[in-house]
Amino acid sequence: MPMTLPALPYDKAALEPHIDAQTMEIHHGKHHNAYVTNGNNALAGTKWADADPVAIIKALAELPDDKRGPARNNVGGHVNHSMFWQLMAPAGKGGGGEPGGALGAAINAAFGGFTQFKEKFQAAGAGRFGSGWAWLVVNAGKLEIVSTANQDNPLMGKAIAGCEGTPILGLDVWEHAYYLKYQNRRPDYMAAWWNVVHWAKVAELYAQAGGK
């Protein structure tokens, strides 16, 4: 079936004070909804109209030239945001803290510790010129930090997104994700975001991606 806007897994004010309710309302109800609408309109009448969105962004090279760009932007935006909402939870109620278990051990091994990981992840977000995302991915069984422009996703592959891997954590650094509260202070937004990261969900995705 065509793409639909998923409901938020929490109230729009649940991530306060780190992410404000008005931003969540606009980000989810306006921006994400526009990706759904525009993506469905772009693919209507094609064999991709009812396809799984993740399958679409993995196979962008197979789409006709006139559909590839709209799908990259809008289906990519839908996939990215559908994941993003799941990666957050209210602070102290699933959100924040540090990852444990296999994921925590893998982060320590790959980046030298959780603090170092956060620094490198934030650098990826801060270093992304204009709009885009910072990602933690599993690539060939190993953790890597990458970033993409606009609504690109590592699942699109290196030829399109400039990186590859299965994302398990993603941070939206488009201005619409933070400007109402943080204005141009992207680093402040990224620092506050750690308070609402839902590490149990990230660990679940890590296991699904073949992390050990």
C-alpha atoms as a PDB file:
ATOM      1  CA  MET A   1       0.000   0.000   0.000  1.00  0.00           C
ATOM      2  CA  PRO A   2       1.155   3.610  -0.452  1.00  0.00           C
ATOM      3  CA  MET A   3       3.182   5.230   2.309  1.00  0.00           C
ATOM      4  CA  THR A   4       1.348   6.500   5.365  1.00  0.00           C
ATOM      5  CA  LEU A   5       2.416   8.863   8.136  1.00  0.00           C
ATOM      6  CA  PRO A   6       3.218   6.816  11.255  1.00  0.00           C
ATOM      7  CA  ALA A   7       1.934   8.007  14.590  1.00  0.00           C
ATOM      8  CA  LEU A   8       4.494   9.305  17.055  1.00  0.00           C
ATOM      9  CA  PRO A   9       5.273   6.686  19.724  1.00  0.00           C
ATOM     10  CA  TYR A  10       4.875   9.363  22.423  1.00  0.00           C
ATOM     11  CA  ASP A  11       3.084  12.674  22.939  1.00  0.00           C
ATOM     12  CA  LYS A  12       4.517  15.580  20.953  1.00  0.00           C
ATOM     13  CA  ALA A  13       5.495  17.264  24.238  1.00  0.00           C
ATOM     14  CA  ALA A  14       7.087  14.137  25.728  1.00  0.00           C
ATOM     15  CA  LEU A  15      10.633  15.070  24.706  1.00  0.00           C
ATOM     16  CA  GLU A  16      10.538  18.464  26.406  1.00  0.00           C
ATOM     17  CA  PRO A  17      12.663  20.373  27.309  1.00  0.00           C
ATOM     18  CA  HIS A  18      15.226  18.893  24.937  1.00  0.00           C
ATOM     19  CA  ILE A  19      12.984  18.932  21.861  1.00  0.00           C
ATOM     20  CA  ASP A  20       9.998  21.241  22.108  1.00  0.00           C
ATOM     21  CA  ALA A  21       6.411  20.297  21.340  1.00  0.00           C
ATOM     22  CA  GLN A  22       5.949  22.883  18.583  1.00  0.00           C
ATOM     23  CA  THR A  23       8.984  21.573  16.712  1.00  0.00           C
ATOM     24  CA  MET A  24       7.702  18.001  17.038  1.00  0.00           C
ATOM     25  CA  GLU A  25       4.265  19.015  15.786  1.00  0.00           C
ATOM     26  CA  ILE A  26       5.645  20.800  12.716  1.00  0.00           C
ATOM     27  CA  HIS A  27       8.432  18.291  12.066  1.00  0.00           C
ATOM     28  CA  HIS A  28       6.117  15.284  12.173  1.00  0.00           C
ATOM     29  CA  GLY A  29       2.790  16.727  11.040  1.00  0.00           C
ATOM     30  CA  LYS A  30       4.084  19.038   8.311  1.00  0.00           C
ATOM     31  CA  HIS A  31       7.548  18.010   7.109  1.00  0.00           C
ATOM     32  CA  HIS A  32       7.231  14.229   7.404  1.00  0.00           C
ATOM     33  CA  ASN A  33       3.682  14.322   6.129  1.00  0.00           C
ATOM     34  CA  ALA A  34       4.851  16.260   3.064  1.00  0.00           C
ATOM     35  CA  TYR A  35       7.407  13.552   2.254  1.00  0.00           C
ATOM     36  CA  VAL A  36       4.651  10.945   2.425  1.00  0.00           C
ATOM     37  CA  THR A  37       2.289  12.945   0.212  1.00  0.00           C
ATOM     38  CA  ASN A  38       4.906  13.941  -2.350  1.00  0.00           C
ATOM     39  CA  GLY A  39       6.424  10.468  -2.458  1.00  0.00           C
ATOM     40  CA  ASN A  40       3.067   8.821  -3.053  1.00  0.00           C
ATOM     41  CA  ASN A  41       2.204  11.344  -5.761  1.00  0.00           C
ATOM     42  CA  ALA A  42       5.545  10.828  -7.505  1.00  0.00           C
ATOM     43  CA  LEU A  43       5.208   7.050  -7.619  1.00  0.00           C
ATOM     44  CA  ALA A  44       1.469   6.813  -8.294  1.00  0.00           C
ATOM     45  CA  GLY A  45       0.710   4.598 -11.274  1.00  0.00           C
ATOM     46  CA  THR A  46       4.118   2.914 -11.247  1.00  0.00           C
ATOM     47  CA  LYS A  47       5.100  -0.549 -10.058  1.00  0.00           C
ATOM     48  CA  TRP A  48       6.715   1.180  -7.073  1.00  0.00           C
ATOM     49  CA  ALA A  49       3.488   2.760  -5.826  1.00  0.00           C
ATOM     50  CA  ASP A  50       2.852   0.011  -3.275  1.00  0.00           C
ATOM     51  CA  ALA A  51       6.444  -1.097  -2.702  1.00  0.00           C
ATOM     52  CA  ASP A  52       8.171  -1.155   0.658  1.00  0.00           C
ATOM     53  CA  PRO A  53       9.839   2.249   1.147  1.00  0.00           C
ATOM     54  CA  VAL A  54      13.122   0.702   2.284  1.00  0.00           C
ATOM     55  CA  ALA A  55      13.170  -1.479  -0.818  1.00  0.00           C
ATOM     56  CA  ILE A  56      12.641   1.625  -2.946  1.00  0.00           C
ATOM     57  CA  ILE A  57      15.586   3.569  -1.542  1.00  0.00           C
ATOM     58  CA  LYS A  58      17.823   0.507  -1.849  1.00  0.00           C
ATOM     59  CA  ALA A  59      16.951   0.246  -5.539  1.00  0.00           C
ATOM     60  CA  LEU A  60      16.935   3.879  -6.674  1.00  0.00           C
ATOM     61  CA  ALA A  61      19.107   3.050  -9.678  1.00  0.00           C
ATOM     62  CA  GLU A  62      16.259   0.918 -11.029  1.00  0.00           C
ATOM     63  CA  LEU A  63      13.730   3.757 -11.011  1.00  0.00           C
ATOM     64  CA  PRO A  64      13.054   5.788 -14.168  1.00  0.00           C
ATOM     65  CA  ASP A  65      15.031   9.013 -14.394  1.00  0.00           C
ATOM     66  CA  ASP A  66      11.996  11.202 -13.741  1.00  0.00           C
ATOM     67  CA  LYS A  67      11.075   9.244 -10.587  1.00  0.00           C
ATOM     68  CA  ARG A  68      14.521   8.760  -9.069  1.00  0.00           C
ATOM     69  CA  GLY A  69      14.982  12.278  -7.718  1.00  0.00           C
ATOM     70  CA  PRO A  70      11.519  12.594  -6.144  1.00  0.00           C
ATOM     71  CA  ALA A  71      11.873   9.118  -4.612  1.00  0.00           C
ATOM     72  CA  ARG A  72      15.344   9.857  -3.289  1.00  0.00           C
ATOM     73  CA  ASN A  73      14.124  12.998  -1.543  1.00  0.00           C
ATOM     74  CA  ASN A  74      10.642  12.020  -0.426  1.00  0.00           C
ATOM     75  CA  VAL A  75      10.787   8.269   0.126  1.00  0.00           C
ATOM     76  CA  GLY A  76      14.198   8.852   1.688  1.00  0.00           C
ATOM     77  CA  GLY A  77      12.663  11.470   3.967  1.00  0.00           C
ATOM     78  CA  HIS A  78       9.882   9.090   4.945  1.00  0.00           C
ATOM     79  CA  VAL A  79      12.266   6.238   5.751  1.00  0.00           C
ATOM     80  CA  ASN A  80      14.618   8.499   7.699  1.00  0.00           C
ATOM     81  CA  HIS A  81      11.912  10.109   9.794  1.00  0.00           C
ATOM     82  CA  SER A  82      10.010   6.884  10.437  1.00  0.00           C
ATOM     83  CA  MET A  83      13.222   5.597  12.012  1.00  0.00           C
ATOM     84  CA  PHE A  84      14.053   8.873  13.763  1.00  0.00           C
ATOM     85  CA  TRP A  85      10.858   8.958  15.834  1.00  0.00           C
ATOM     86  CA  GLN A  86      11.537   5.421  17.071  1.00  0.00           C
ATOM     87  CA  LEU A  87      15.071   6.314  18.139  1.00  0.00           C
ATOM     88  CA  MET A  88      13.856   8.731  20.792  1.00  0.00           C
ATOM     89  CA  ALA A  89      12.020   8.387  24.100  1.00  0.00           C
ATOM     90  CA  PRO A  90      11.275  10.742  26.996  1.00  0.00           C
ATOM     91  CA  ALA A  91      14.310  11.499  29.129  1.00  0.00           C
ATOM     92  CA  GLY A  92      14.509   9.121  32.068  1.00  0.00           C
ATOM     93  CA  LYS A  93      11.741   6.972  30.596  1.00  0.00           C
ATOM     94  CA  GLY A  94      13.743   5.074  28.027  1.00  0.00           C
ATOM     95  CA  GLY A  95      15.630   8.086  26.735  1.00  0.00           C
ATOM     96  CA  GLY A  96      19.172   9.067  27.667  1.00  0.00           C
ATOM     97  CA  GLY A  97      21.912   7.307  29.566  1.00  0.00           C
ATOM     98  CA  GLU A  98      24.441   5.045  27.907  1.00  0.00           C
ATOM     99  CA  PRO A  99      24.086   1.830  25.936  1.00  0.00           C
ATOM    100  CA  GLY A 100      25.086  -1.406  27.624  1.00  0.00           C
ATOM    101  CA  GLY A 101      25.450  -4.998  26.525  1.00  0.00           C
ATOM    102  CA  ALA A 102      26.776  -5.888  23.108  1.00  0.00           C
ATOM    103  CA  LEU A 103      26.095  -2.439  21.664  1.00  0.00           C
ATOM    104  CA  GLY A 104      27.903  -0.633  24.466  1.00  0.00           C
ATOM    105  CA  ALA A 105      30.873  -2.951  24.152  1.00  0.00           C
ATOM    106  CA  ALA A 106      30.977  -2.480  20.379  1.00  0.00           C
ATOM    107  CA  ILE A 107      30.882   1.309  20.704  1.00  0.00           C
ATOM    108  CA  ASN A 108      33.719   1.233  23.226  1.00  0.00           C
ATOM    109  CA  ALA A 109      35.768  -1.014  20.969  1.00  0.00           C
ATOM    110  CA  ALA A 110      35.150   0.970  17.810  1.00  0.00           C
ATOM    111  CA  PHE A 111      35.527   4.490  19.157  1.00  0.00           C
ATOM    112  CA  GLY A 112      37.530   4.195  22.369  1.00  0.00           C
ATOM    113  CA  GLY A 113      34.641   4.882  24.725  1.00  0.00           C
ATOM    114  CA  PHE A 114      31.166   6.390  24.848  1.00  0.00           C
ATOM    115  CA  THR A 115      32.398   9.955  25.321  1.00  0.00           C
ATOM    116  CA  GLN A 116      34.660   9.663  22.296  1.00  0.00           C
ATOM    117  CA  PHE A 117      31.806   8.165  20.293  1.00  0.00           C
ATOM    118  CA  LYS A 118      29.535  11.107  21.111  1.00  0.00           C
ATOM    119  CA  GLU A 119      32.242  13.579  20.137  1.00  0.00           C
ATOM    120  CA  LYS A 120      32.799  11.893  16.778  1.00  0.00           C
ATOM    121  CA  PHE A 121      29.077  11.557  16.113  1.00  0.00           C
ATOM    122  CA  GLN A 122      28.454  15.217  16.901  1.00  0.00           C
ATOM    123  CA  ALA A 123      31.384  16.188  14.682  1.00  0.00           C
ATOM    124  CA  ALA A 124      29.708  14.335  11.817  1.00  0.00           C
ATOM    125  CA  GLY A 125      26.504  16.278  12.401  1.00  0.00           C
ATOM    126  CA  ALA A 126      28.201  19.634  12.876  1.00  0.00           C
ATOM    127  CA  GLY A 127      30.373  19.081   9.823  1.00  0.00           C
ATOM    128  CA  ARG A 128      27.457  18.381   7.510  1.00  0.00           C
ATOM    129  CA  PHE A 129      27.112  21.584   5.480  1.00  0.00           C
ATOM    130  CA  GLY A 130      23.489  22.569   5.038  1.00  0.00           C
ATOM    131  CA  SER A 131      20.831  19.929   5.580  1.00  0.00           C
ATOM    132  CA  GLY A 132      21.411  16.261   6.268  1.00  0.00           C
ATOM    133  CA  TRP A 133      21.885  13.509   8.816  1.00  0.00           C
ATOM    134  CA  ALA A 134      24.527  11.953  11.058  1.00  0.00           C
ATOM    135  CA  TRP A 135      24.406   8.149  11.289  1.00  0.00           C
ATOM    136  CA  LEU A 136      25.801   5.233  13.217  1.00  0.00           C
ATOM    137  CA  VAL A 137      25.826   2.272  10.836  1.00  0.00           C
ATOM    138  CA  VAL A 138      26.807  -1.360  10.811  1.00  0.00           C
ATOM    139  CA  ASN A 139      28.966  -1.891   7.732  1.00  0.00           C
ATOM    140  CA  ALA A 140      30.465  -5.328   7.116  1.00  0.00           C
ATOM    141  CA  GLY A 141      29.806  -6.152  10.770  1.00  0.00           C
ATOM    142  CA  LYS A 142      31.589  -3.081  12.118  1.00  0.00           C
ATOM    143  CA  LEU A 143      30.318   0.195  13.541  1.00  0.00           C
ATOM    144  CA  GLU A 144      31.015   3.360  11.556  1.00  0.00           C
ATOM    145  CA  ILE A 145      29.939   6.996  11.844  1.00  0.00           C
ATOM    146  CA  VAL A 146      28.899   8.626   8.568  1.00  0.00           C
ATOM    147  CA  SER A 147      26.801  11.556   7.396  1.00  0.00           C
ATOM    148  CA  THR A 148      24.566  12.149   4.402  1.00  0.00           C
ATOM    149  CA  ALA A 149      23.149  15.178   2.638  1.00  0.00           C
ATOM    150  CA  ASN A 150      19.483  16.099   2.487  1.00  0.00           C
ATOM    151  CA  GLN A 151      17.308  12.967   2.900  1.00  0.00           C
ATOM    152  CA  ASP A 152      19.899  10.476   1.704  1.00  0.00           C
ATOM    153  CA  ASN A 153      20.280   7.277   3.701  1.00  0.00           C
ATOM    154  CA  PRO A 154      23.295   4.912   3.849  1.00  0.00           C
ATOM    155  CA  LEU A 155      21.008   2.159   2.528  1.00  0.00           C
ATOM    156  CA  MET A 156      21.062   3.969  -0.817  1.00  0.00           C
ATOM    157  CA  GLY A 157      24.677   2.872  -1.199  1.00  0.00           C
ATOM    158  CA  LYS A 158      27.969   4.647  -1.684  1.00  0.00           C
ATOM    159  CA  ALA A 159      27.321   5.616  -5.302  1.00  0.00           C
ATOM    160  CA  ILE A 160      24.303   7.714  -4.283  1.00  0.00           C
ATOM    161  CA  ALA A 161      24.678   8.562  -0.594  1.00  0.00           C
ATOM    162  CA  GLY A 162      28.468   8.645  -0.426  1.00  0.00           C
ATOM    163  CA  CYS A 163      28.491   5.964   2.273  1.00  0.00           C
ATOM    164  CA  GLU A 164      26.969   2.575   2.972  1.00  0.00           C
ATOM    165  CA  GLY A 165      25.810   0.354   5.793  1.00  0.00           C
ATOM    166  CA  THR A 166      22.720  -0.393   7.846  1.00  0.00           C
ATOM    167  CA  PRO A 167      21.776   2.601  10.014  1.00  0.00           C
ATOM    168  CA  ILE A 168      21.015   1.918  13.660  1.00  0.00           C
ATOM    169  CA  LEU A 169      21.087   5.517  14.930  1.00  0.00           C
ATOM    170  CA  GLY A 170      20.349   8.680  12.993  1.00  0.00           C
ATOM    171  CA  LEU A 171      20.204  12.346  13.900  1.00  0.00           C
ATOM    172  CA  ASP A 172      18.328  14.851  11.753  1.00  0.00           C
ATOM    173  CA  VAL A 173      20.392  18.030  11.422  1.00  0.00           C
ATOM    174  CA  TRP A 174      18.053  19.868   9.064  1.00  0.00           C
ATOM    175  CA  GLU A 175      17.225  23.275  10.533  1.00  0.00           C
ATOM    176  CA  HIS A 176      13.555  22.319  10.748  1.00  0.00           C
ATOM    177  CA  ALA A 177      14.543  19.771  13.417  1.00  0.00           C
ATOM    178  CA  TYR A 178      15.808  22.394  15.852  1.00  0.00           C
ATOM    179  CA  TYR A 179      15.499  26.016  14.696  1.00  0.00           C
ATOM    180  CA  LEU A 180      12.448  27.044  16.748  1.00  0.00           C
ATOM    181  CA  LYS A 181      14.228  26.236  20.008  1.00  0.00           C
ATOM    182  CA  TYR A 182      17.928  26.400  19.206  1.00  0.00           C
ATOM    183  CA  GLN A 183      18.007  28.844  16.261  1.00  0.00           C
ATOM    184  CA  ASN A 184      21.412  28.441  14.587  1.00  0.00           C
ATOM    185  CA  ARG A 185      22.943  26.546  17.529  1.00  0.00           C
ATOM    186  CA  ARG A 186      23.115  23.097  15.973  1.00  0.00           C
ATOM    187  CA  PRO A 187      25.759  21.881  18.485  1.00  0.00           C
ATOM    188  CA  ASP A 188      23.438  22.742  21.396  1.00  0.00           C
ATOM    189  CA  TYR A 189      20.628  20.755  19.796  1.00  0.00           C
ATOM    190  CA  MET A 190      22.889  17.772  19.242  1.00  0.00           C
ATOM    191  CA  ALA A 191      24.154  17.894  22.822  1.00  0.00           C
ATOM    192  CA  ALA A 192      20.600  17.999  24.191  1.00  0.00           C
ATOM    193  CA  TRP A 193      19.472  15.175  21.905  1.00  0.00           C
ATOM    194  CA  TRP A 194      21.525  12.592  23.800  1.00  0.00           C
ATOM    195  CA  ASN A 195      19.049  12.992  26.664  1.00  0.00           C
ATOM    196  CA  VAL A 196      16.287  11.425  24.563  1.00  0.00           C
ATOM    197  CA  VAL A 197      18.153   8.734  22.596  1.00  0.00           C
ATOM    198  CA  HIS A 198      16.301   5.430  23.015  1.00  0.00           C
ATOM    199  CA  TRP A 199      19.272   3.082  23.413  1.00  0.00           C
ATOM    200  CA  ALA A 200      17.127  -0.027  23.783  1.00  0.00           C
ATOM    201  CA  LYS A 201      15.793   0.559  20.266  1.00  0.00           C
ATOM    202  CA  VAL A 202      19.297   1.208  18.929  1.00  0.00           C
ATOM    203  CA  ALA A 203      20.472  -2.056  20.511  1.00  0.00           C
ATOM    204  CA  GLU A 204      17.563  -3.883  18.865  1.00  0.00           C
ATOM    205  CA  LEU A 205      18.522  -2.478  15.469  1.00  0.00           C
ATOM    206  CA  TYR A 206      22.173  -3.342  16.123  1.00  0.00           C
ATOM    207  CA  ALA A 207      21.259  -6.972  16.719  1.00  0.00           C
ATOM    208  CA  GLN A 208      19.048  -7.060  13.613  1.00  0.00           C
ATOM    209  CA  ALA A 209      21.929  -5.635  11.540  1.00  0.00           C
ATOM    210  CA  GLY A 210      24.174  -8.491  12.582  1.00  0.00           C
ATOM    211  CA  GLY A 211      26.096  -6.716  15.299  1.00  0.00           C
ATOM    212  CA  LYS A 212      27.736  -8.934  17.886  1.00  0.00           C
END
